[in-house]
PDB file of N, CA and C in Angstrom:
ATOM      1  N   MET A   1       1.609 142.186-210.077  1.00  0.00           N
ATOM      2  CA  MET A   1       2.859 141.556-210.005  1.00  0.00           C
ATOM      3  C   MET A   1       3.588 141.930-208.721  1.00  0.00           C
ATOM      4  N   PRO A   2       4.167 140.946-208.042  1.00  0.00           N
ATOM      5  CA  PRO A   2       4.883 141.207-206.894  1.00  0.00           C
ATOM      6  C   PRO A   2       6.141 142.144-207.123  1.00  0.00           C
ATOM      7  N   ASP A   3       6.500 142.762-206.128  1.00  0.00           N
ATOM      8  CA  ASP A   3       7.648 143.757-206.226  1.00  0.00           C
ATOM      9  C   ASP A   3       9.019 142.898-206.328  1.00  0.00           C
ATOM     10  N   ALA A   4      10.126 143.560-206.354  1.00  0.00           N
ATOM     11  CA  ALA A   4      11.391 142.854-206.595  1.00  0.00           C
ATOM     12  C   ALA A   4      11.772 141.965-205.383  1.00  0.00           C
ATOM     13  N   GLU A   5      11.199 142.195-204.215  1.00  0.00           N
ATOM     14  CA  GLU A   5      11.445 141.333-203.002  1.00  0.00           C
ATOM     15  C   GLU A   5      10.390 140.341-202.801  1.00  0.00           C
ATOM     16  N   GLY A   6       9.411 140.269-203.739  1.00  0.00           N
ATOM     17  CA  GLY A   6       8.451 139.173-203.712  1.00  0.00           C
ATOM     18  C   GLY A   6       7.145 139.520-202.893  1.00  0.00           C
ATOM     19  N   HIS A   7       6.957 140.830-202.613  1.00  0.00           N
ATOM     20  CA  HIS A   7       5.649 141.249-201.912  1.00  0.00           C
ATOM     21  C   HIS A   7       4.628 141.582-202.925  1.00  0.00           C
ATOM     22  N   PRO A   8       3.475 140.881-202.794  1.00  0.00           N
ATOM     23  CA  PRO A   8       2.470 141.026-203.755  1.00  0.00           C
ATOM     24  C   PRO A   8       1.682 142.417-203.450  1.00  0.00           C
ATOM     25  N   GLU A   9       1.088 142.972-204.443  1.00  0.00           N
ATOM     26  CA  GLU A   9       0.212 144.156-204.246  1.00  0.00           C
ATOM     27  C   GLU A   9      -1.003 143.636-203.506  1.00  0.00           C
ATOM     28  N   PRO A  10      -1.709 144.525-202.681  1.00  0.00           N
ATOM     29  CA  PRO A  10      -2.939 144.056-202.014  1.00  0.00           C
ATOM     30  C   PRO A  10      -3.938 143.335-202.887  1.00  0.00           C
ATOM     31  N   GLN A  11      -4.166 143.841-204.075  1.00  0.00           N
ATOM     32  CA  GLN A  11      -5.229 143.230-205.030  1.00  0.00           C
ATOM     33  C   GLN A  11      -4.719 141.857-205.528  1.00  0.00           C
ATOM     34  N   GLU A  12      -3.534 141.581-205.359  1.00  0.00           N
ATOM     35  CA  GLU A  12      -2.874 140.242-205.790  1.00  0.00           C
ATOM     36  C   GLU A  12      -2.953 139.179-204.723  1.00  0.00           C
ATOM     37  N   MET A  13      -3.341 139.600-203.479  1.00  0.00           N
ATOM     38  CA  MET A  13      -3.264 138.704-202.453  1.00  0.00           C
ATOM     39  C   MET A  13      -4.527 137.683-202.510  1.00  0.00           C
ATOM     40  N   GLU A  14      -4.331 136.456-202.494  1.00  0.00           N
ATOM     41  CA  GLU A  14      -5.425 135.520-202.544  1.00  0.00           C
ATOM     42  C   GLU A  14      -5.610 134.803-201.322  1.00  0.00           C
ATOM     43  N   LEU A  15      -6.919 134.739-201.055  1.00  0.00           N
ATOM     44  CA  LEU A  15      -7.353 134.080-199.793  1.00  0.00           C
ATOM     45  C   LEU A  15      -6.743 132.713-199.513  1.00  0.00           C
ATOM     46  N   ARG A  16      -6.807 131.959-200.609  1.00  0.00           N
ATOM     47  CA  ARG A  16      -6.219 130.429-200.395  1.00  0.00           C
ATOM     48  C   ARG A  16      -4.751 130.520-200.080  1.00  0.00           C
ATOM     49  N   THR A  17      -4.135 131.433-200.786  1.00  0.00           N
ATOM     50  CA  THR A  17      -2.534 131.488-200.420  1.00  0.00           C
ATOM     51  C   THR A  17      -2.378 132.030-198.951  1.00  0.00           C
ATOM     52  N   VAL A  18      -3.163 132.973-198.606  1.00  0.00           N
ATOM     53  CA  VAL A  18      -3.006 133.498-197.219  1.00  0.00           C
ATOM     54  C   VAL A  18      -3.346 132.355-196.166  1.00  0.00           C
ATOM     55  N   LEU A  19      -4.455 131.541-196.415  1.00  0.00           N
ATOM     56  CA  LEU A  19      -4.836 130.548-195.523  1.00  0.00           C
ATOM     57  C   LEU A  19      -3.794 129.402-195.515  1.00  0.00           C
ATOM     58  N   HIS A  20      -3.215 129.125-196.666  1.00  0.00           N
ATOM     59  CA  HIS A  20      -2.203 128.142-196.760  1.00  0.00           C
ATOM     60  C   HIS A  20      -0.985 128.545-195.970  1.00  0.00           C
ATOM     61  N   ALA A  21      -0.549 129.861-195.970  1.00  0.00           N
ATOM     62  CA  ALA A  21       0.533 130.326-195.186  1.00  0.00           C
ATOM     63  C   ALA A  21       0.234 130.198-193.701  1.00  0.00           C
ATOM     64  N   LEU A  22      -0.900 130.475-193.363  1.00  0.00           N
ATOM     65  CA  LEU A  22      -1.348 130.329-191.939  1.00  0.00           C
ATOM     66  C   LEU A  22      -1.575 129.012-191.438  1.00  0.00           C
ATOM     67  N   SER A  23      -1.672 128.074-192.324  1.00  0.00           N
ATOM     68  CA  SER A  23      -2.006 126.648-191.853  1.00  0.00           C
ATOM     69  C   SER A  23      -0.849 125.973-191.201  1.00  0.00           C
ATOM     70  N   ASP A  24       0.339 126.477-191.303  1.00  0.00           N
ATOM     71  CA  ASP A  24       1.516 126.033-190.532  1.00  0.00           C
ATOM     72  C   ASP A  24       1.540 126.726-189.205  1.00  0.00           C
ATOM     73  N   ARG A  25       1.648 125.887-188.180  1.00  0.00           N
ATOM     74  CA  ARG A  25       1.518 126.481-186.761  1.00  0.00           C
ATOM     75  C   ARG A  25       2.687 127.439-186.477  1.00  0.00           C
ATOM     76  N   ARG A  26       3.850 127.232-187.049  1.00  0.00           N
ATOM     77  CA  ARG A  26       4.970 128.188-186.766  1.00  0.00           C
ATOM     78  C   ARG A  26       4.650 129.609-187.479  1.00  0.00           C
ATOM     79  N   ARG A  27       4.162 129.385-188.702  1.00  0.00           N
ATOM     80  CA  ARG A  27       3.858 130.671-189.439  1.00  0.00           C
ATOM     81  C   ARG A  27       2.780 131.498-188.766  1.00  0.00           C
ATOM     82  N   TYR A  28       1.745 130.563-188.361  1.00  0.00           N
ATOM     83  CA  TYR A  28       0.611 131.303-187.628  1.00  0.00           C
ATOM     84  C   TYR A  28       1.171 131.972-186.393  1.00  0.00           C
ATOM     85  N   GLU A  29       1.969 131.407-185.715  1.00  0.00           N
ATOM     86  CA  GLU A  29       2.538 131.928-184.418  1.00  0.00           C
ATOM     87  C   GLU A  29       3.157 133.233-184.791  1.00  0.00           C
ATOM     88  N   VAL A  30       4.022 133.311-185.779  1.00  0.00           N
ATOM     89  CA  VAL A  30       4.727 134.523-186.206  1.00  0.00           C
ATOM     90  C   VAL A  30       3.693 135.690-186.423  1.00  0.00           C
ATOM     91  N   VAL A  31       2.712 135.430-187.230  1.00  0.00           N
ATOM     92  CA  VAL A  31       1.716 136.313-187.567  1.00  0.00           C
ATOM     93  C   VAL A  31       0.946 136.744-186.280  1.00  0.00           C
ATOM     94  N   SER A  32       0.568 135.764-185.457  1.00  0.00           N
ATOM     95  CA  SER A  32      -0.148 136.068-184.195  1.00  0.00           C
ATOM     96  C   SER A  32       0.667 137.048-183.398  1.00  0.00           C
ATOM     97  N   ARG A  33       1.951 136.764-183.203  1.00  0.00           N
ATOM     98  CA  ARG A  33       2.782 137.624-182.350  1.00  0.00           C
ATOM     99  C   ARG A  33       2.766 139.107-182.965  1.00  0.00           C
ATOM    100  N   LEU A  34       2.926 139.139-184.373  1.00  0.00           N
ATOM    101  CA  LEU A  34       2.979 140.470-184.976  1.00  0.00           C
ATOM    102  C   LEU A  34       1.707 141.212-184.736  1.00  0.00           C
ATOM    103  N   THR A  35       0.550 140.484-184.667  1.00  0.00           N
ATOM    104  CA  THR A  35      -0.729 141.258-184.349  1.00  0.00           C
ATOM    105  C   THR A  35      -0.820 141.931-183.114  1.00  0.00           C
ATOM    106  N   ARG A  36       0.068 141.568-182.131  1.00  0.00           N
ATOM    107  CA  ARG A  36       0.059 142.121-180.797  1.00  0.00           C
ATOM    108  C   ARG A  36       1.171 143.175-180.610  1.00  0.00           C
ATOM    109  N   GLU A  37       1.916 143.442-181.759  1.00  0.00           N
ATOM    110  CA  GLU A  37       2.792 144.522-181.756  1.00  0.00           C
ATOM    111  C   GLU A  37       2.199 145.762-182.225  1.00  0.00           C
ATOM    112  N   PRO A  38       2.798 146.945-181.829  1.00  0.00           N
ATOM    113  CA  PRO A  38       2.211 148.194-182.480  1.00  0.00           C
ATOM    114  C   PRO A  38       2.292 148.206-183.912  1.00  0.00           C
ATOM    115  N   GLU A  39       1.366 148.861-184.552  1.00  0.00           N
ATOM    116  CA  GLU A  39       1.286 148.763-185.993  1.00  0.00           C
ATOM    117  C   GLU A  39       2.520 149.442-186.562  1.00  0.00           C
ATOM    118  N   GLY A  40       3.174 148.677-187.580  1.00  0.00           N
ATOM    119  CA  GLY A  40       4.369 149.151-188.176  1.00  0.00           C
ATOM    120  C   GLY A  40       5.591 148.614-187.475  1.00  0.00           C
ATOM    121  N   ALA A  41       5.493 148.015-186.379  1.00  0.00           N
ATOM    122  CA  ALA A  41       6.635 147.566-185.632  1.00  0.00           C
ATOM    123  C   ALA A  41       7.407 146.417-186.473  1.00  0.00           C
ATOM    124  N   GLU A  42       8.741 146.567-186.436  1.00  0.00           N
ATOM    125  CA  GLU A  42       9.579 145.608-187.108  1.00  0.00           C
ATOM    126  C   GLU A  42      10.189 144.664-186.137  1.00  0.00           C
ATOM    127  N   ARG A  43      10.374 143.383-186.496  1.00  0.00           N
ATOM    128  CA  ARG A  43      10.958 142.416-185.579  1.00  0.00           C
ATOM    129  C   ARG A  43      11.975 141.680-186.478  1.00  0.00           C
ATOM    130  N   HIS A  44      13.074 141.484-185.867  1.00  0.00           N
ATOM    131  CA  HIS A  44      14.105 140.593-186.477  1.00  0.00           C
ATOM    132  C   HIS A  44      13.544 139.106-186.651  1.00  0.00           C
ATOM    133  N   CYS A  45      13.904 138.537-187.773  1.00  0.00           N
ATOM    134  CA  CYS A  45      13.236 137.199-187.983  1.00  0.00           C
ATOM    135  C   CYS A  45      13.732 136.096-186.911  1.00  0.00           C
ATOM    136  N   THR A  46      14.809 136.377-186.455  1.00  0.00           N
ATOM    137  CA  THR A  46      15.309 135.439-185.335  1.00  0.00           C
ATOM    138  C   THR A  46      14.681 135.644-184.072  1.00  0.00           C
ATOM    139  N   SER A  47      14.087 136.858-183.852  1.00  0.00           N
ATOM    140  CA  SER A  47      13.491 137.146-182.534  1.00  0.00           C
ATOM    141  C   SER A  47      12.431 136.290-182.106  1.00  0.00           C
ATOM    142  N   PHE A  48      11.742 135.578-183.129  1.00  0.00           N
ATOM    143  CA  PHE A  48      10.608 134.778-182.793  1.00  0.00           C
ATOM    144  C   PHE A  48      11.051 133.428-182.152  1.00  0.00           C
ATOM    145  N   GLY A  49      12.285 133.124-182.143  1.00  0.00           N
ATOM    146  CA  GLY A  49      12.772 131.904-181.530  1.00  0.00           C
ATOM    147  C   GLY A  49      12.255 130.610-182.139  1.00  0.00           C
ATOM    148  N   LEU A  50      11.973 130.609-183.423  1.00  0.00           N
ATOM    149  CA  LEU A  50      11.491 129.351-183.945  1.00  0.00           C
ATOM    150  C   LEU A  50      12.547 128.268-183.849  1.00  0.00           C
ATOM    151  N   PRO A  51      12.159 127.123-183.417  1.00  0.00           N
ATOM    152  CA  PRO A  51      13.138 125.984-183.208  1.00  0.00           C
ATOM    153  C   PRO A  51      13.398 125.224-184.455  1.00  0.00           C
ATOM    154  N   VAL A  52      13.862 125.879-185.574  1.00  0.00           N
ATOM    155  CA  VAL A  52      14.129 125.368-186.836  1.00  0.00           C
ATOM    156  C   VAL A  52      15.432 125.820-187.371  1.00  0.00           C
ATOM    157  N   SER A  53      15.936 125.151-188.356  1.00  0.00           N
ATOM    158  CA  SER A  53      17.287 125.592-188.962  1.00  0.00           C
ATOM    159  C   SER A  53      16.962 126.966-189.643  1.00  0.00           C
ATOM    160  N   LYS A  54      18.099 127.611-189.946  1.00  0.00           N
ATOM    161  CA  LYS A  54      18.128 128.830-190.718  1.00  0.00           C
ATOM    162  C   LYS A  54      17.407 128.714-192.057  1.00  0.00           C
ATOM    163  N   SER A  55      17.625 127.676-192.730  1.00  0.00           N
ATOM    164  CA  SER A  55      17.047 127.564-194.026  1.00  0.00           C
ATOM    165  C   SER A  55      15.531 127.376-193.890  1.00  0.00           C
ATOM    166  N   THR A  56      15.106 126.637-192.839  1.00  0.00           N
ATOM    167  CA  THR A  56      13.692 126.371-192.650  1.00  0.00           C
ATOM    168  C   THR A  56      12.990 127.620-192.276  1.00  0.00           C
ATOM    169  N   ARG A  57      13.642 128.419-191.324  1.00  0.00           N
ATOM    170  CA  ARG A  57      13.112 129.751-190.960  1.00  0.00           C
ATOM    171  C   ARG A  57      12.985 130.643-192.197  1.00  0.00           C
ATOM    172  N   SER A  58      13.981 130.669-193.075  1.00  0.00           N
ATOM    173  CA  SER A  58      13.898 131.471-194.334  1.00  0.00           C
ATOM    174  C   SER A  58      12.751 131.102-195.102  1.00  0.00           C
ATOM    175  N   HIS A  59      12.568 129.794-195.274  1.00  0.00           N
ATOM    176  CA  HIS A  59      11.395 129.312-196.020  1.00  0.00           C
ATOM    177  C   HIS A  59      10.042 129.739-195.390  1.00  0.00           C
ATOM    178  N   HIS A  60       9.873 129.663-194.148  1.00  0.00           N
ATOM    179  CA  HIS A  60       8.630 130.141-193.474  1.00  0.00           C
ATOM    180  C   HIS A  60       8.390 131.688-193.718  1.00  0.00           C
ATOM    181  N   PHE A  61       9.434 132.399-193.595  1.00  0.00           N
ATOM    182  CA  PHE A  61       9.234 133.887-193.756  1.00  0.00           C
ATOM    183  C   PHE A  61       9.003 134.120-195.376  1.00  0.00           C
ATOM    184  N   ARG A  62       9.644 133.400-196.233  1.00  0.00           N
ATOM    185  CA  ARG A  62       9.378 133.611-197.661  1.00  0.00           C
ATOM    186  C   ARG A  62       7.909 133.279-197.933  1.00  0.00           C
ATOM    187  N   VAL A  63       7.318 132.201-197.355  1.00  0.00           N
ATOM    188  CA  VAL A  63       5.929 131.862-197.582  1.00  0.00           C
ATOM    189  C   VAL A  63       5.033 132.999-197.112  1.00  0.00           C
ATOM    190  N   LEU A  64       5.356 133.472-195.846  1.00  0.00           N
ATOM    191  CA  LEU A  64       4.602 134.662-195.325  1.00  0.00           C
ATOM    192  C   LEU A  64       4.664 135.841-196.263  1.00  0.00           C
ATOM    193  N   ARG A  65       5.858 136.179-196.734  1.00  0.00           N
ATOM    194  CA  ARG A  65       6.034 137.265-197.556  1.00  0.00           C
ATOM    195  C   ARG A  65       5.278 137.161-198.881  1.00  0.00           C
ATOM    196  N   GLU A  66       5.414 136.060-199.495  1.00  0.00           N
ATOM    197  CA  GLU A  66       4.737 135.905-200.896  1.00  0.00           C
ATOM    198  C   GLU A  66       3.241 135.826-200.771  1.00  0.00           C
ATOM    199  N   ALA A  67       2.745 135.408-199.532  1.00  0.00           N
ATOM    200  CA  ALA A  67       1.284 135.434-199.375  1.00  0.00           C
ATOM    201  C   ALA A  67       0.843 136.821-199.165  1.00  0.00           C
ATOM    202  N   GLY A  68       1.665 137.742-198.748  1.00  0.00           N
ATOM    203  CA  GLY A  68       1.310 139.119-198.455  1.00  0.00           C
ATOM    204  C   GLY A  68       1.069 139.399-197.042  1.00  0.00           C
ATOM    205  N   LEU A  69       1.393 138.454-196.082  1.00  0.00           N
ATOM    206  CA  LEU A  69       1.167 138.654-194.719  1.00  0.00           C
ATOM    207  C   LEU A  69       2.193 139.565-194.115  1.00  0.00           C
ATOM    208  N   ILE A  70       3.347 139.535-194.497  1.00  0.00           N
ATOM    209  CA  ILE A  70       4.380 140.393-193.926  1.00  0.00           C
ATOM    210  C   ILE A  70       5.120 141.029-195.004  1.00  0.00           C
ATOM    211  N   ARG A  71       5.803 142.136-194.623  1.00  0.00           N
ATOM    212  CA  ARG A  71       6.759 142.861-195.460  1.00  0.00           C
ATOM    213  C   ARG A  71       8.134 142.648-194.850  1.00  0.00           C
ATOM    214  N   GLN A  72       9.057 142.264-195.611  1.00  0.00           N
ATOM    215  CA  GLN A  72      10.437 142.104-195.115  1.00  0.00           C
ATOM    216  C   GLN A  72      11.297 143.225-195.582  1.00  0.00           C
ATOM    217  N   THR A  73      12.235 143.758-194.760  1.00  0.00           N
ATOM    218  CA  THR A  73      13.134 144.825-195.065  1.00  0.00           C
ATOM    219  C   THR A  73      14.507 144.438-194.706  1.00  0.00           C
ATOM    220  N   ASP A  74      15.454 144.599-195.730  1.00  0.00           N
ATOM    221  CA  ASP A  74      16.831 144.333-195.294  1.00  0.00           C
ATOM    222  C   ASP A  74      17.378 145.416-194.534  1.00  0.00           C
ATOM    223  N   ARG A  75      18.071 144.942-193.377  1.00  0.00           N
ATOM    224  CA  ARG A  75      18.837 145.827-192.484  1.00  0.00           C
ATOM    225  C   ARG A  75      20.189 145.250-192.384  1.00  0.00           C
ATOM    226  N   GLY A  76      21.096 145.721-193.349  1.00  0.00           N
ATOM    227  CA  GLY A  76      22.424 145.266-193.256  1.00  0.00           C
ATOM    228  C   GLY A  76      22.425 143.737-193.804  1.00  0.00           C
ATOM    229  N   ASN A  77      22.869 142.863-192.874  1.00  0.00           N
ATOM    230  CA  ASN A  77      22.914 141.413-193.342  1.00  0.00           C
ATOM    231  C   ASN A  77      21.818 140.631-192.625  1.00  0.00           C
ATOM    232  N   SER A  78      20.751 141.411-192.078  1.00  0.00           N
ATOM    233  CA  SER A  78      19.574 140.621-191.529  1.00  0.00           C
ATOM    234  C   SER A  78      18.294 141.238-192.212  1.00  0.00           C
ATOM    235  N   ARG A  79      17.270 140.619-191.908  1.00  0.00           N
ATOM    236  CA  ARG A  79      15.943 140.978-192.285  1.00  0.00           C
ATOM    237  C   ARG A  79      14.963 141.257-191.188  1.00  0.00           C
ATOM    238  N   MET A  80      14.203 142.312-191.338  1.00  0.00           N
ATOM    239  CA  MET A  80      13.167 142.581-190.445  1.00  0.00           C
ATOM    240  C   MET A  80      11.715 142.246-191.084  1.00  0.00           C
ATOM    241  N   ALA A  81      10.831 141.865-190.163  1.00  0.00           N
ATOM    242  CA  ALA A  81       9.492 141.545-190.646  1.00  0.00           C
ATOM    243  C   ALA A  81       8.477 142.569-190.061  1.00  0.00           C
ATOM    244  N   THR A  82       7.604 142.998-190.820  1.00  0.00           N
ATOM    245  CA  THR A  82       6.507 143.815-190.383  1.00  0.00           C
ATOM    246  C   THR A  82       5.161 143.180-190.925  1.00  0.00           C
ATOM    247  N   LEU A  83       4.181 143.178-189.985  1.00  0.00           N
ATOM    248  CA  LEU A  83       2.828 142.737-190.394  1.00  0.00           C
ATOM    249  C   LEU A  83       2.247 143.689-191.415  1.00  0.00           C
ATOM    250  N   ARG A  84       1.595 143.381-192.511  1.00  0.00           N
ATOM    251  CA  ARG A  84       1.008 144.320-193.452  1.00  0.00           C
ATOM    252  C   ARG A  84      -0.477 144.520-193.096  1.00  0.00           C
ATOM    253  N   THR A  85      -0.602 145.080-191.910  1.00  0.00           N
ATOM    254  CA  THR A  85      -1.923 145.330-191.301  1.00  0.00           C
ATOM    255  C   THR A  85      -2.870 146.066-192.217  1.00  0.00           C
ATOM    256  N   THR A  86      -2.460 147.226-192.591  1.00  0.00           N
ATOM    257  CA  THR A  86      -3.412 147.979-193.560  1.00  0.00           C
ATOM    258  C   THR A  86      -3.852 147.210-194.721  1.00  0.00           C
ATOM    259  N   ASP A  87      -2.820 146.682-195.425  1.00  0.00           N
ATOM    260  CA  ASP A  87      -3.178 145.920-196.688  1.00  0.00           C
ATOM    261  C   ASP A  87      -4.061 144.719-196.391  1.00  0.00           C
ATOM    262  N   LEU A  88      -3.680 143.966-195.310  1.00  0.00           N
ATOM    263  CA  LEU A  88      -4.577 142.800-194.989  1.00  0.00           C
ATOM    264  C   LEU A  88      -5.991 143.125-194.572  1.00  0.00           C
ATOM    265  N   GLU A  89      -6.131 144.293-193.781  1.00  0.00           N
ATOM    266  CA  GLU A  89      -7.488 144.671-193.284  1.00  0.00           C
ATOM    267  C   GLU A  89      -8.241 145.201-194.500  1.00  0.00           C
ATOM    268  N   ALA A  90      -7.681 145.904-195.478  1.00  0.00           N
ATOM    269  CA  ALA A  90      -8.341 146.302-196.728  1.00  0.00           C
ATOM    270  C   ALA A  90      -8.832 145.112-197.510  1.00  0.00           C
ATOM    271  N   ARG A  91      -7.948 144.187-197.735  1.00  0.00           N
ATOM    272  CA  ARG A  91      -8.237 142.934-198.609  1.00  0.00           C
ATOM    273  C   ARG A  91      -9.020 141.929-197.856  1.00  0.00           C
ATOM    274  N   PHE A  92      -8.837 141.662-196.641  1.00  0.00           N
ATOM    275  CA  PHE A  92      -9.518 140.627-195.892  1.00  0.00           C
ATOM    276  C   PHE A  92     -10.011 141.218-194.537  1.00  0.00           C
ATOM    277  N   PRO A  93     -11.012 142.064-194.595  1.00  0.00           N
ATOM    278  CA  PRO A  93     -11.530 142.626-193.335  1.00  0.00           C
ATOM    279  C   PRO A  93     -11.924 141.668-192.263  1.00  0.00           C
ATOM    280  N   GLY A  94     -11.317 141.932-191.074  1.00  0.00           N
ATOM    281  CA  GLY A  94     -11.505 141.121-189.885  1.00  0.00           C
ATOM    282  C   GLY A  94     -10.421 139.958-189.688  1.00  0.00           C
ATOM    283  N   LEU A  95      -9.643 139.638-190.677  1.00  0.00           N
ATOM    284  CA  LEU A  95      -8.691 138.603-190.530  1.00  0.00           C
ATOM    285  C   LEU A  95      -7.667 138.847-189.425  1.00  0.00           C
ATOM    286  N   ILE A  96      -7.176 140.053-189.283  1.00  0.00           N
ATOM    287  CA  ILE A  96      -6.161 140.329-188.331  1.00  0.00           C
ATOM    288  C   ILE A  96      -6.791 140.270-186.961  1.00  0.00           C
ATOM    289  N   ASP A  97      -8.080 140.651-186.685  1.00  0.00           N
ATOM    290  CA  ASP A  97      -8.718 140.485-185.404  1.00  0.00           C
ATOM    291  C   ASP A  97      -8.963 139.076-185.042  1.00  0.00           C
ATOM    292  N   LEU A  98      -9.241 138.223-186.102  1.00  0.00           N
ATOM    293  CA  LEU A  98      -9.483 136.846-185.849  1.00  0.00           C
ATOM    294  C   LEU A  98      -8.193 136.165-185.344  1.00  0.00           C
ATOM    295  N   ILE A  99      -7.055 136.553-185.881  1.00  0.00           N
ATOM    296  CA  ILE A  99      -5.764 136.001-185.602  1.00  0.00           C
ATOM    297  C   ILE A  99      -5.433 136.518-184.165  1.00  0.00           C
ATOM    298  N   ARG A 100      -5.650 137.816-184.001  1.00  0.00           N
ATOM    299  CA  ARG A 100      -5.259 138.365-182.624  1.00  0.00           C
ATOM    300  C   ARG A 100      -5.968 137.840-181.541  1.00  0.00           C
ATOM    301  N   ASN A 101      -7.257 137.502-181.852  1.00  0.00           N
ATOM    302  CA  ASN A 101      -8.173 136.913-180.809  1.00  0.00           C
ATOM    303  C   ASN A 101      -8.093 135.488-180.652  1.00  0.00           C
ATOM    304  N   ASN A 102      -7.327 134.694-181.462  1.00  0.00           N
ATOM    305  CA  ASN A 102      -7.114 133.274-181.416  1.00  0.00           C
ATOM    306  C   ASN A 102      -5.667 132.977-181.513  1.00  0.00           C
ATOM    307  N   PRO A 103      -4.824 133.513-180.474  1.00  0.00           N
ATOM    308  CA  PRO A 103      -3.472 133.172-180.467  1.00  0.00           C
ATOM    309  C   PRO A 103      -3.082 131.708-180.383  1.00  0.00           C
ATOM    310  N   ALA A 104      -2.053 131.309-181.017  1.00  0.00           N
ATOM    311  CA  ALA A 104      -1.636 129.917-180.950  1.00  0.00           C
ATOM    312  C   ALA A 104      -0.238 129.872-180.413  1.00  0.00           C
ATOM    313  N   GLU A 105      -0.022 130.048-179.124  1.00  0.00           N
ATOM    314  CA  GLU A 105       1.388 130.023-178.537  1.00  0.00           C
ATOM    315  C   GLU A 105       1.863 128.529-178.650  1.00  0.00           C
ATOM    316  N   LEU A 106       2.965 128.553-179.122  1.00  0.00           N
ATOM    317  CA  LEU A 106       3.759 127.265-179.192  1.00  0.00           C
ATOM    318  C   LEU A 106       4.535 127.089-177.957  1.00  0.00           C
ATOM    319  N   PRO A 107       4.660 125.837-177.303  1.00  0.00           N
ATOM    320  CA  PRO A 107       5.505 125.702-176.154  1.00  0.00           C
ATOM    321  C   PRO A 107       6.897 125.853-176.540  1.00  0.00           C
ATOM    322  N   GLY A 108       7.588 126.616-175.583  1.00  0.00           N
ATOM    323  CA  GLY A 108       9.071 126.744-175.804  1.00  0.00           C
ATOM    324  C   GLY A 108       9.491 127.969-176.645  1.00  0.00           C
ATOM    325  N   LEU A 109       8.505 128.576-177.179  1.00  0.00           N
ATOM    326  CA  LEU A 109       8.840 129.868-178.000  1.00  0.00           C
ATOM    327  C   LEU A 109       8.663 131.043-177.193  1.00  0.00           C
ATOM    328  N   VAL A 110       9.550 132.003-177.338  1.00  0.00           N
ATOM    329  CA  VAL A 110       9.438 133.270-176.574  1.00  0.00           C
ATOM    330  C   VAL A 110       8.732 134.420-177.355  1.00  0.00           C
TER     331      VAL A 110
END
């Protein structure tokens, strides 16, 4: 059962849900960028520069969170995202390396 913030336990992560979350190019880009950060690094959700509205950005991060790809932490009135590297590597060995080695940079994103 997911926790109060919607983060599933590692054993609850489903490959189809993870792949669905990664099928969107903007969500894939977020995860791809997080794979290149030091483990445990937190990034503000707006720091990815997604060219979408605030509500669409929130939707993308909710999909990533509910799939188990990221953990979001409230910091005052903003949210920080962290890749769940250890949980993902335990549940889906090699997935993080595949994403890291196949970046999908989107034009215009920093």
